[in-house]
């Protein structure tokens, strides 16, 4: 998947992300997968998200982490999950498999 395609998926999951990512608030390069995920991680922290956003993002993460696309997996884990990981974050309870294992390593959660 391309960075632009990923940006579109993330905007569908977290409405407003695309507009925010093109604004002066985003400091990350969107030409690279790592930049797209870093920007999204900052977006969901800077702009309050409704409870309906987290299950959609979790499904995207659960499907991608541990998949065939190693670049996507690495970008998602290092630039998105690690930046959000904390024991009380709502995303953590929705993750499974390798995504959950990665989350637990960074969040300190059991």
PDB file of N, CA and C in Angstrom:
ATOM      1  N   UNK A   1       0.837  -1.173   0.000  1.00  0.00           N
ATOM      2  CA  UNK A   1       0.000   0.000   0.000  1.00  0.00           C
ATOM      3  C   UNK A   1       0.891   1.248   0.000  1.00  0.00           C
ATOM      4  N   UNK A   2       0.439   2.265  -0.670  1.00  0.00           N
ATOM      5  CA  UNK A   2       1.193   3.508  -0.766  1.00  0.00           C
ATOM      6  C   UNK A   2       0.901   4.404   0.438  1.00  0.00           C
ATOM      7  N   UNK A   3       1.789   5.347   0.714  1.00  0.00           N
ATOM      8  CA  UNK A   3       1.517   6.301   1.795  1.00  0.00           C
ATOM      9  C   UNK A   3       0.205   7.060   1.575  1.00  0.00           C
ATOM     10  N   UNK A   4      -0.081   7.435   0.334  1.00  0.00           N
ATOM     11  CA  UNK A   4      -1.311   8.179   0.042  1.00  0.00           C
ATOM     12  C   UNK A   4      -2.536   7.301   0.295  1.00  0.00           C
ATOM     13  N   UNK A   5      -2.465   6.033  -0.096  1.00  0.00           N
ATOM     14  CA  UNK A   5      -3.569   5.116   0.166  1.00  0.00           C
ATOM     15  C   UNK A   5      -3.775   4.894   1.648  1.00  0.00           C
ATOM     16  N   UNK A   6      -2.679   4.809   2.379  1.00  0.00           N
ATOM     17  CA  UNK A   6      -2.748   4.646   3.828  1.00  0.00           C
ATOM     18  C   UNK A   6      -3.364   5.874   4.472  1.00  0.00           C
ATOM     19  N   UNK A   7      -2.986   7.039   3.988  1.00  0.00           N
ATOM     20  CA  UNK A   7      -3.552   8.283   4.506  1.00  0.00           C
ATOM     21  C   UNK A   7      -5.072   8.299   4.309  1.00  0.00           C
ATOM     22  N   UNK A   8      -5.538   7.844   3.168  1.00  0.00           N
ATOM     23  CA  UNK A   8      -6.978   7.792   2.903  1.00  0.00           C
ATOM     24  C   UNK A   8      -7.687   6.817   3.844  1.00  0.00           C
ATOM     25  N   UNK A   9      -7.079   5.648   4.078  1.00  0.00           N
ATOM     26  CA  UNK A   9      -7.659   4.682   5.021  1.00  0.00           C
ATOM     27  C   UNK A   9      -7.742   5.268   6.426  1.00  0.00           C
ATOM     28  N   UNK A  10      -6.684   5.934   6.840  1.00  0.00           N
ATOM     29  CA  UNK A  10      -6.670   6.521   8.174  1.00  0.00           C
ATOM     30  C   UNK A  10      -7.672   7.664   8.299  1.00  0.00           C
ATOM     31  N   UNK A  11      -7.868   8.407   7.222  1.00  0.00           N
ATOM     32  CA  UNK A  11      -8.856   9.477   7.248  1.00  0.00           C
ATOM     33  C   UNK A  11     -10.266   8.905   7.357  1.00  0.00           C
ATOM     34  N   UNK A  12     -10.511   7.772   6.732  1.00  0.00           N
ATOM     35  CA  UNK A  12     -11.822   7.127   6.850  1.00  0.00           C
ATOM     36  C   UNK A  12     -12.035   6.620   8.280  1.00  0.00           C
ATOM     37  N   UNK A  13     -10.960   6.149   8.907  1.00  0.00           N
ATOM     38  CA  UNK A  13     -11.054   5.624  10.278  1.00  0.00           C
ATOM     39  C   UNK A  13     -11.132   6.750  11.304  1.00  0.00           C
ATOM     40  N   UNK A  14     -10.380   7.808  11.077  1.00  0.00           N
ATOM     41  CA  UNK A  14     -10.325   8.952  12.000  1.00  0.00           C
ATOM     42  C   UNK A  14     -10.632  10.214  11.184  1.00  0.00           C
ATOM     43  N   UNK A  15     -11.915  10.507  11.002  1.00  0.00           N
ATOM     44  CA  UNK A  15     -12.294  11.641  10.156  1.00  0.00           C
ATOM     45  C   UNK A  15     -11.607  12.947  10.577  1.00  0.00           C
ATOM     46  N   UNK A  16     -11.134  13.642   9.570  1.00  0.00           N
ATOM     47  CA  UNK A  16     -10.426  14.892   9.811  1.00  0.00           C
ATOM     48  C   UNK A  16      -8.923  14.749   9.727  1.00  0.00           C
ATOM     49  N   UNK A  17      -8.442  13.503   9.715  1.00  0.00           N
ATOM     50  CA  UNK A  17      -6.999  13.299   9.682  1.00  0.00           C
ATOM     51  C   UNK A  17      -6.366  13.905   8.436  1.00  0.00           C
ATOM     52  N   UNK A  18      -6.960  13.670   7.277  1.00  0.00           N
ATOM     53  CA  UNK A  18      -6.362  14.167   6.032  1.00  0.00           C
ATOM     54  C   UNK A  18      -6.234  15.694   6.062  1.00  0.00           C
ATOM     55  N   UNK A  19      -7.290  16.385   6.446  1.00  0.00           N
ATOM     56  CA  UNK A  19      -7.236  17.855   6.506  1.00  0.00           C
ATOM     57  C   UNK A  19      -6.176  18.304   7.499  1.00  0.00           C
ATOM     58  N   UNK A  20      -6.116  17.644   8.655  1.00  0.00           N
ATOM     59  CA  UNK A  20      -5.122  17.996   9.669  1.00  0.00           C
ATOM     60  C   UNK A  20      -3.711  17.728   9.146  1.00  0.00           C
ATOM     61  N   UNK A  21      -3.543  16.596   8.442  1.00  0.00           N
ATOM     62  CA  UNK A  21      -2.208  16.231   7.964  1.00  0.00           C
ATOM     63  C   UNK A  21      -1.684  17.211   6.916  1.00  0.00           C
ATOM     64  N   UNK A  22      -2.586  17.903   6.238  1.00  0.00           N
ATOM     65  CA  UNK A  22      -2.178  18.878   5.232  1.00  0.00           C
ATOM     66  C   UNK A  22      -2.031  20.282   5.806  1.00  0.00           C
ATOM     67  N   UNK A  23      -2.356  20.422   7.077  1.00  0.00           N
ATOM     68  CA  UNK A  23      -2.282  21.729   7.728  1.00  0.00           C
ATOM     69  C   UNK A  23      -0.877  21.979   8.286  1.00  0.00           C
ATOM     70  N   UNK A  24      -0.690  23.157   8.800  1.00  0.00           N
ATOM     71  CA  UNK A  24       0.579  23.519   9.427  1.00  0.00           C
ATOM     72  C   UNK A  24       0.813  22.814  10.749  1.00  0.00           C
ATOM     73  N   UNK A  25      -0.214  22.148  11.282  1.00  0.00           N
ATOM     74  CA  UNK A  25      -0.055  21.417  12.544  1.00  0.00           C
ATOM     75  C   UNK A  25       0.751  20.133  12.364  1.00  0.00           C
ATOM     76  N   UNK A  26       0.748  19.588  11.155  1.00  0.00           N
ATOM     77  CA  UNK A  26       1.475  18.350  10.878  1.00  0.00           C
ATOM     78  C   UNK A  26       2.920  18.662  10.509  1.00  0.00           C
ATOM     79  N   UNK A  27       3.838  18.054  11.216  1.00  0.00           N
ATOM     80  CA  UNK A  27       5.264  18.275  10.968  1.00  0.00           C
ATOM     81  C   UNK A  27       5.941  17.097  10.282  1.00  0.00           C
ATOM     82  N   UNK A  28       5.144  16.090   9.875  1.00  0.00           N
ATOM     83  CA  UNK A  28       5.707  14.858   9.330  1.00  0.00           C
ATOM     84  C   UNK A  28       5.550  14.787   7.811  1.00  0.00           C
ATOM     85  N   UNK A  29       6.535  14.198   7.150  1.00  0.00           N
ATOM     86  CA  UNK A  29       6.491  14.011   5.701  1.00  0.00           C
ATOM     87  C   UNK A  29       5.500  12.908   5.362  1.00  0.00           C
ATOM     88  N   UNK A  30       4.561  13.216   4.500  1.00  0.00           N
ATOM     89  CA  UNK A  30       3.528  12.255   4.144  1.00  0.00           C
ATOM     90  C   UNK A  30       3.897  11.405   2.937  1.00  0.00           C
ATOM     91  N   UNK A  31       5.116  11.565   2.439  1.00  0.00           N
ATOM     92  CA  UNK A  31       5.581  10.781   1.297  1.00  0.00           C
ATOM     93  C   UNK A  31       6.102   9.413   1.723  1.00  0.00           C
ATOM     94  N   UNK A  32       6.159   9.192   3.021  1.00  0.00           N
ATOM     95  CA  UNK A  32       6.686   7.943   3.561  1.00  0.00           C
ATOM     96  C   UNK A  32       5.680   7.367   4.551  1.00  0.00           C
ATOM     97  N   UNK A  33       5.588   6.053   4.584  1.00  0.00           N
ATOM     98  CA  UNK A  33       4.643   5.379   5.467  1.00  0.00           C
ATOM     99  C   UNK A  33       4.871   5.774   6.928  1.00  0.00           C
ATOM    100  N   UNK A  34       6.130   5.870   7.332  1.00  0.00           N
ATOM    101  CA  UNK A  34       6.433   6.237   8.716  1.00  0.00           C
ATOM    102  C   UNK A  34       5.875   7.620   9.052  1.00  0.00           C
ATOM    103  N   UNK A  35       5.994   8.547   8.126  1.00  0.00           N
ATOM    104  CA  UNK A  35       5.470   9.886   8.344  1.00  0.00           C
ATOM    105  C   UNK A  35       3.959   9.912   8.457  1.00  0.00           C
ATOM    106  N   UNK A  36       3.283   9.116   7.646  1.00  0.00           N
ATOM    107  CA  UNK A  36       1.822   9.056   7.695  1.00  0.00           C
ATOM    108  C   UNK A  36       1.359   8.534   9.052  1.00  0.00           C
ATOM    109  N   UNK A  37       1.987   7.457   9.534  1.00  0.00           N
ATOM    110  CA  UNK A  37       1.574   6.899  10.825  1.00  0.00           C
ATOM    111  C   UNK A  37       1.973   7.793  11.996  1.00  0.00           C
ATOM    112  N   UNK A  38       3.127   8.439  11.892  1.00  0.00           N
ATOM    113  CA  UNK A  38       3.512   9.379  12.952  1.00  0.00           C
ATOM    114  C   UNK A  38       2.525  10.537  13.001  1.00  0.00           C
ATOM    115  N   UNK A  39       2.145  11.049  11.839  1.00  0.00           N
ATOM    116  CA  UNK A  39       1.170  12.140  11.788  1.00  0.00           C
ATOM    117  C   UNK A  39      -0.168  11.705  12.369  1.00  0.00           C
ATOM    118  N   UNK A  40      -0.613  10.510  12.038  1.00  0.00           N
ATOM    119  CA  UNK A  40      -1.894  10.033  12.564  1.00  0.00           C
ATOM    120  C   UNK A  40      -1.837   9.865  14.081  1.00  0.00           C
ATOM    121  N   UNK A  41      -0.723   9.356  14.574  1.00  0.00           N
ATOM    122  CA  UNK A  41      -0.570   9.219  16.023  1.00  0.00           C
ATOM    123  C   UNK A  41      -0.666  10.567  16.721  1.00  0.00           C
ATOM    124  N   UNK A  42      -0.057  11.564  16.136  1.00  0.00           N
ATOM    125  CA  UNK A  42      -0.140  12.903  16.720  1.00  0.00           C
ATOM    126  C   UNK A  42      -1.540  13.487  16.566  1.00  0.00           C
ATOM    127  N   UNK A  43      -2.177  13.224  15.435  1.00  0.00           N
ATOM    128  CA  UNK A  43      -3.534  13.718  15.206  1.00  0.00           C
ATOM    129  C   UNK A  43      -4.503  13.186  16.259  1.00  0.00           C
ATOM    130  N   UNK A  44      -4.484  11.880  16.497  1.00  0.00           N
ATOM    131  CA  UNK A  44      -5.456  11.318  17.443  1.00  0.00           C
ATOM    132  C   UNK A  44      -5.168  11.738  18.885  1.00  0.00           C
ATOM    133  N   UNK A  45      -3.974  12.228  19.147  1.00  0.00           N
ATOM    134  CA  UNK A  45      -3.677  12.773  20.469  1.00  0.00           C
ATOM    135  C   UNK A  45      -4.041  14.257  20.557  1.00  0.00           C
ATOM    136  N   UNK A  46      -3.870  14.985  19.466  1.00  0.00           N
ATOM    137  CA  UNK A  46      -4.111  16.427  19.468  1.00  0.00           C
ATOM    138  C   UNK A  46      -5.584  16.784  19.299  1.00  0.00           C
ATOM    139  N   UNK A  47      -6.304  15.966  18.564  1.00  0.00           N
ATOM    140  CA  UNK A  47      -7.719  16.230  18.274  1.00  0.00           C
ATOM    141  C   UNK A  47      -8.550  15.145  18.963  1.00  0.00           C
ATOM    142  N   UNK A  48      -9.401  15.525  19.907  1.00  0.00           N
ATOM    143  CA  UNK A  48     -10.201  14.522  20.623  1.00  0.00           C
ATOM    144  C   UNK A  48     -10.979  13.618  19.651  1.00  0.00           C
ATOM    145  N   UNK A  49     -10.903  12.329  19.921  1.00  0.00           N
ATOM    146  CA  UNK A  49     -11.543  11.337  19.068  1.00  0.00           C
ATOM    147  C   UNK A  49     -12.744  10.735  19.774  1.00  0.00           C
ATOM    148  N   UNK A  50     -13.800  10.507  19.034  1.00  0.00           N
ATOM    149  CA  UNK A  50     -14.970   9.847  19.590  1.00  0.00           C
ATOM    150  C   UNK A  50     -14.699   8.366  19.798  1.00  0.00           C
ATOM    151  N   UNK A  51     -15.483   7.748  20.643  1.00  0.00           N
ATOM    152  CA  UNK A  51     -15.282   6.330  20.962  1.00  0.00           C
ATOM    153  C   UNK A  51     -15.451   5.430  19.741  1.00  0.00           C
ATOM    154  N   UNK A  52     -16.132   5.895  18.710  1.00  0.00           N
ATOM    155  CA  UNK A  52     -16.340   5.084  17.514  1.00  0.00           C
ATOM    156  C   UNK A  52     -15.073   4.969  16.657  1.00  0.00           C
ATOM    157  N   UNK A  53     -14.104   5.836  16.875  1.00  0.00           N
ATOM    158  CA  UNK A  53     -12.871   5.831  16.080  1.00  0.00           C
ATOM    159  C   UNK A  53     -11.967   4.666  16.459  1.00  0.00           C
ATOM    160  N   UNK A  54     -11.866   4.359  17.739  1.00  0.00           N
ATOM    161  CA  UNK A  54     -10.888   3.368  18.210  1.00  0.00           C
ATOM    162  C   UNK A  54     -11.132   1.965  17.668  1.00  0.00           C
ATOM    163  N   UNK A  55     -12.351   1.448  17.603  1.00  0.00           N
ATOM    164  CA  UNK A  55     -12.535   0.108  17.018  1.00  0.00           C
ATOM    165  C   UNK A  55     -12.139   0.050  15.537  1.00  0.00           C
ATOM    166  N   UNK A  56     -12.389   1.114  14.811  1.00  0.00           N
ATOM    167  CA  UNK A  56     -12.038   1.141  13.389  1.00  0.00           C
ATOM    168  C   UNK A  56     -10.519   1.166  13.227  1.00  0.00           C
ATOM    169  N   UNK A  57      -9.842   2.003  14.001  1.00  0.00           N
ATOM    170  CA  UNK A  57      -8.376   2.031  13.954  1.00  0.00           C
ATOM    171  C   UNK A  57      -7.788   0.697  14.410  1.00  0.00           C
ATOM    172  N   UNK A  58      -8.373   0.117  15.443  1.00  0.00           N
ATOM    173  CA  UNK A  58      -7.876  -1.172  15.953  1.00  0.00           C
ATOM    174  C   UNK A  58      -7.973  -2.251  14.889  1.00  0.00           C
ATOM    175  N   UNK A  59      -9.060  -2.283  14.154  1.00  0.00           N
ATOM    176  CA  UNK A  59      -9.215  -3.291  13.103  1.00  0.00           C
ATOM    177  C   UNK A  59      -8.164  -3.122  12.021  1.00  0.00           C
ATOM    178  N   UNK A  60      -7.910  -1.892  11.634  1.00  0.00           N
ATOM    179  CA  UNK A  60      -6.872  -1.613  10.652  1.00  0.00           C
ATOM    180  C   UNK A  60      -5.513  -2.093  11.162  1.00  0.00           C
ATOM    181  N   UNK A  61      -5.203  -1.770  12.414  1.00  0.00           N
ATOM    182  CA  UNK A  61      -3.926  -2.163  13.017  1.00  0.00           C
ATOM    183  C   UNK A  61      -3.832  -3.680  13.128  1.00  0.00           C
ATOM    184  N   UNK A  62      -4.887  -4.320  13.624  1.00  0.00           N
ATOM    185  CA  UNK A  62      -4.877  -5.778  13.802  1.00  0.00           C
ATOM    186  C   UNK A  62      -4.660  -6.514  12.487  1.00  0.00           C
ATOM    187  N   UNK A  63      -5.218  -5.997  11.407  1.00  0.00           N
ATOM    188  CA  UNK A  63      -5.055  -6.636  10.098  1.00  0.00           C
ATOM    189  C   UNK A  63      -3.659  -6.434   9.530  1.00  0.00           C
ATOM    190  N   UNK A  64      -3.042  -5.301   9.817  1.00  0.00           N
ATOM    191  CA  UNK A  64      -1.763  -4.965   9.192  1.00  0.00           C
ATOM    192  C   UNK A  64      -0.547  -5.501   9.944  1.00  0.00           C
ATOM    193  N   UNK A  65      -0.570  -5.449  11.269  1.00  0.00           N
ATOM    194  CA  UNK A  65       0.608  -5.873  12.036  1.00  0.00           C
ATOM    195  C   UNK A  65       0.775  -7.387  11.910  1.00  0.00           C
ATOM    196  N   UNK A  66       1.973  -7.767  11.508  1.00  0.00           N
ATOM    197  CA  UNK A  66       2.269  -9.188  11.318  1.00  0.00           C
ATOM    198  C   UNK A  66       1.897  -9.689   9.937  1.00  0.00           C
ATOM    199  N   UNK A  67       1.476  -8.775   9.057  1.00  0.00           N
ATOM    200  CA  UNK A  67       1.094  -9.159   7.695  1.00  0.00           C
ATOM    201  C   UNK A  67       2.290  -9.250   6.776  1.00  0.00           C
ATOM    202  N   UNK A  68       2.013  -9.333   5.498  1.00  0.00           N
ATOM    203  CA  UNK A  68       3.045  -9.519   4.477  1.00  0.00           C
ATOM    204  C   UNK A  68       3.896  -8.274   4.221  1.00  0.00           C
ATOM    205  N   UNK A  69       3.340  -7.105   4.477  1.00  0.00           N
ATOM    206  CA  UNK A  69       4.036  -5.851   4.176  1.00  0.00           C
ATOM    207  C   UNK A  69       4.870  -5.420   5.383  1.00  0.00           C
ATOM    208  N   UNK A  70       6.153  -5.735   5.337  1.00  0.00           N
ATOM    209  CA  UNK A  70       7.038  -5.446   6.466  1.00  0.00           C
ATOM    210  C   UNK A  70       7.195  -3.944   6.704  1.00  0.00           C
ATOM    211  N   UNK A  71       7.209  -3.156   5.641  1.00  0.00           N
ATOM    212  CA  UNK A  71       7.339  -1.706   5.791  1.00  0.00           C
ATOM    213  C   UNK A  71       6.109  -1.150   6.511  1.00  0.00           C
ATOM    214  N   UNK A  72       4.939  -1.604   6.132  1.00  0.00           N
ATOM    215  CA  UNK A  72       3.705  -1.180   6.782  1.00  0.00           C
ATOM    216  C   UNK A  72       3.711  -1.586   8.251  1.00  0.00           C
ATOM    217  N   UNK A  73       4.089  -2.814   8.521  1.00  0.00           N
ATOM    218  CA  UNK A  73       4.154  -3.333   9.887  1.00  0.00           C
ATOM    219  C   UNK A  73       5.091  -2.496  10.747  1.00  0.00           C
ATOM    220  N   UNK A  74       6.302  -2.237  10.238  1.00  0.00           N
ATOM    221  CA  UNK A  74       7.291  -1.469  11.000  1.00  0.00           C
ATOM    222  C   UNK A  74       6.813  -0.039  11.252  1.00  0.00           C
ATOM    223  N   UNK A  75       6.272   0.597  10.231  1.00  0.00           N
ATOM    224  CA  UNK A  75       5.793   1.976  10.381  1.00  0.00           C
ATOM    225  C   UNK A  75       4.649   2.050  11.384  1.00  0.00           C
ATOM    226  N   UNK A  76       3.735   1.108  11.297  1.00  0.00           N
ATOM    227  CA  UNK A  76       2.596   1.098  12.200  1.00  0.00           C
ATOM    228  C   UNK A  76       3.040   0.912  13.646  1.00  0.00           C
ATOM    229  N   UNK A  77       3.950  -0.022  13.858  1.00  0.00           N
ATOM    230  CA  UNK A  77       4.403  -0.298  15.228  1.00  0.00           C
ATOM    231  C   UNK A  77       5.260   0.831  15.794  1.00  0.00           C
ATOM    232  N   UNK A  78       6.230   1.282  15.023  1.00  0.00           N
ATOM    233  CA  UNK A  78       7.185   2.251  15.581  1.00  0.00           C
ATOM    234  C   UNK A  78       6.683   3.688  15.574  1.00  0.00           C
ATOM    235  N   UNK A  79       5.802   4.024  14.650  1.00  0.00           N
ATOM    236  CA  UNK A  79       5.385   5.423  14.528  1.00  0.00           C
ATOM    237  C   UNK A  79       3.949   5.677  14.968  1.00  0.00           C
ATOM    238  N   UNK A  80       3.199   4.639  15.224  1.00  0.00           N
ATOM    239  CA  UNK A  80       1.816   4.814  15.665  1.00  0.00           C
ATOM    240  C   UNK A  80       1.602   4.159  17.025  1.00  0.00           C
ATOM    241  N   UNK A  81       1.747   2.840  17.093  1.00  0.00           N
ATOM    242  CA  UNK A  81       1.472   2.139  18.354  1.00  0.00           C
ATOM    243  C   UNK A  81       2.370   2.602  19.492  1.00  0.00           C
ATOM    244  N   UNK A  82       3.662   2.705  19.233  1.00  0.00           N
ATOM    245  CA  UNK A  82       4.580   3.090  20.310  1.00  0.00           C
ATOM    246  C   UNK A  82       4.288   4.485  20.837  1.00  0.00           C
ATOM    247  N   UNK A  83       3.804   5.361  19.991  1.00  0.00           N
ATOM    248  CA  UNK A  83       3.504   6.725  20.423  1.00  0.00           C
ATOM    249  C   UNK A  83       2.209   6.816  21.219  1.00  0.00           C
ATOM    250  N   UNK A  84       1.315   5.868  21.056  1.00  0.00           N
ATOM    251  CA  UNK A  84       0.050   5.889  21.781  1.00  0.00           C
ATOM    252  C   UNK A  84       0.034   4.972  22.994  1.00  0.00           C
ATOM    253  N   UNK A  85       0.947   4.020  23.027  1.00  0.00           N
ATOM    254  CA  UNK A  85       0.903   2.960  24.038  1.00  0.00           C
ATOM    255  C   UNK A  85       0.962   3.507  25.462  1.00  0.00           C
ATOM    256  N   UNK A  86      -0.073   3.194  26.196  1.00  0.00           N
ATOM    257  CA  UNK A  86      -0.137   3.470  27.631  1.00  0.00           C
ATOM    258  C   UNK A  86      -1.186   2.522  28.205  1.00  0.00           C
ATOM    259  N   UNK A  87      -1.055   2.158  29.468  1.00  0.00           N
ATOM    260  CA  UNK A  87      -1.968   1.165  30.037  1.00  0.00           C
ATOM    261  C   UNK A  87      -3.445   1.546  29.976  1.00  0.00           C
ATOM    262  N   UNK A  88      -3.763   2.833  29.978  1.00  0.00           N
ATOM    263  CA  UNK A  88      -5.166   3.233  30.035  1.00  0.00           C
ATOM    264  C   UNK A  88      -5.723   3.753  28.702  1.00  0.00           C
ATOM    265  N   UNK A  89      -4.980   3.635  27.618  1.00  0.00           N
ATOM    266  CA  UNK A  89      -5.452   4.122  26.320  1.00  0.00           C
ATOM    267  C   UNK A  89      -6.544   3.195  25.775  1.00  0.00           C
ATOM    268  N   UNK A  90      -7.629   3.745  25.223  1.00  0.00           N
ATOM    269  CA  UNK A  90      -8.733   2.904  24.747  1.00  0.00           C
ATOM    270  C   UNK A  90      -8.366   1.964  23.599  1.00  0.00           C
ATOM    271  N   UNK A  91      -7.334   2.262  22.850  1.00  0.00           N
ATOM    272  CA  UNK A  91      -6.942   1.389  21.744  1.00  0.00           C
ATOM    273  C   UNK A  91      -6.411   0.051  22.242  1.00  0.00           C
ATOM    274  N   UNK A  92      -5.711   0.057  23.361  1.00  0.00           N
ATOM    275  CA  UNK A  92      -5.078  -1.165  23.866  1.00  0.00           C
ATOM    276  C   UNK A  92      -6.028  -2.322  24.067  1.00  0.00           C
ATOM    277  N   UNK A  93      -7.223  -2.069  24.553  1.00  0.00           N
ATOM    278  CA  UNK A  93      -8.174  -3.154  24.823  1.00  0.00           C
ATOM    279  C   UNK A  93      -8.795  -3.727  23.552  1.00  0.00           C
ATOM    280  N   UNK A  94      -8.561  -3.098  22.422  1.00  0.00           N
ATOM    281  CA  UNK A  94      -9.153  -3.541  21.160  1.00  0.00           C
ATOM    282  C   UNK A  94      -8.161  -4.277  20.266  1.00  0.00           C
ATOM    283  N   UNK A  95      -6.905  -4.312  20.681  1.00  0.00           N
ATOM    284  CA  UNK A  95      -5.876  -4.958  19.874  1.00  0.00           C
ATOM    285  C   UNK A  95      -5.811  -6.444  20.169  1.00  0.00           C
ATOM    286  N   UNK A  96      -5.273  -7.188  19.206  1.00  0.00           N
ATOM    287  CA  UNK A  96      -5.093  -8.644  19.387  1.00  0.00           C
ATOM    288  C   UNK A  96      -3.833  -9.093  18.640  1.00  0.00           C
ATOM    289  N   UNK A  97      -3.419 -10.296  18.915  1.00  0.00           N
ATOM    290  CA  UNK A  97      -2.288 -10.891  18.207  1.00  0.00           C
ATOM    291  C   UNK A  97      -1.006 -10.109  18.362  1.00  0.00           C
ATOM    292  N   UNK A  98      -0.279  -9.984  17.250  1.00  0.00           N
ATOM    293  CA  UNK A  98       1.016  -9.303  17.275  1.00  0.00           C
ATOM    294  C   UNK A  98       0.889  -7.825  17.626  1.00  0.00           C
ATOM    295  N   UNK A  99      -0.205  -7.198  17.226  1.00  0.00           N
ATOM    296  CA  UNK A  99      -0.415  -5.786  17.562  1.00  0.00           C
ATOM    297  C   UNK A  99      -0.510  -5.617  19.079  1.00  0.00           C
ATOM    298  N   UNK A 100      -1.247  -6.501  19.728  1.00  0.00           N
ATOM    299  CA  UNK A 100      -1.377  -6.441  21.183  1.00  0.00           C
ATOM    300  C   UNK A 100      -0.043  -6.720  21.866  1.00  0.00           C
ATOM    301  N   UNK A 101       0.698  -7.685  21.364  1.00  0.00           N
ATOM    302  CA  UNK A 101       2.013  -8.000  21.946  1.00  0.00           C
ATOM    303  C   UNK A 101       2.942  -6.787  21.850  1.00  0.00           C
ATOM    304  N   UNK A 102       2.934  -6.127  20.719  1.00  0.00           N
ATOM    305  CA  UNK A 102       3.780  -4.938  20.556  1.00  0.00           C
ATOM    306  C   UNK A 102       3.318  -3.830  21.502  1.00  0.00           C
ATOM    307  N   UNK A 103       2.028  -3.630  21.579  1.00  0.00           N
ATOM    308  CA  UNK A 103       1.453  -2.607  22.473  1.00  0.00           C
ATOM    309  C   UNK A 103       1.899  -2.850  23.910  1.00  0.00           C
ATOM    310  N   UNK A 104       1.810  -4.081  24.352  1.00  0.00           N
ATOM    311  CA  UNK A 104       2.166  -4.407  25.738  1.00  0.00           C
ATOM    312  C   UNK A 104       3.633  -4.154  26.024  1.00  0.00           C
ATOM    313  N   UNK A 105       4.497  -4.402  25.053  1.00  0.00           N
ATOM    314  CA  UNK A 105       5.930  -4.129  25.263  1.00  0.00           C
ATOM    315  C   UNK A 105       6.172  -2.653  25.529  1.00  0.00           C
ATOM    316  N   UNK A 106       5.395  -1.776  24.906  1.00  0.00           N
ATOM    317  CA  UNK A 106       5.630  -0.345  25.029  1.00  0.00           C
ATOM    318  C   UNK A 106       4.767   0.331  26.078  1.00  0.00           C
ATOM    319  N   UNK A 107       3.637  -0.260  26.409  1.00  0.00           N
ATOM    320  CA  UNK A 107       2.727   0.403  27.349  1.00  0.00           C
ATOM    321  C   UNK A 107       3.000   0.059  28.805  1.00  0.00           C
ATOM    322  N   UNK A 108       3.700  -1.039  29.014  1.00  0.00           N
ATOM    323  CA  UNK A 108       3.914  -1.499  30.384  1.00  0.00           C
ATOM    324  C   UNK A 108       2.712  -2.244  30.946  1.00  0.00           C
ATOM    325  N   UNK A 109       1.709  -2.470  30.100  1.00  0.00           N
ATOM    326  CA  UNK A 109       0.506  -3.189  30.531  1.00  0.00           C
ATOM    327  C   UNK A 109       0.800  -4.693  30.573  1.00  0.00           C
ATOM    328  N   UNK A 110       0.105  -5.400  31.465  1.00  0.00           N
ATOM    329  CA  UNK A 110       0.334  -6.870  31.540  1.00  0.00           C
ATOM    330  C   UNK A 110      -0.207  -7.596  30.323  1.00  0.00           C
TER     331      UNK A 110
END
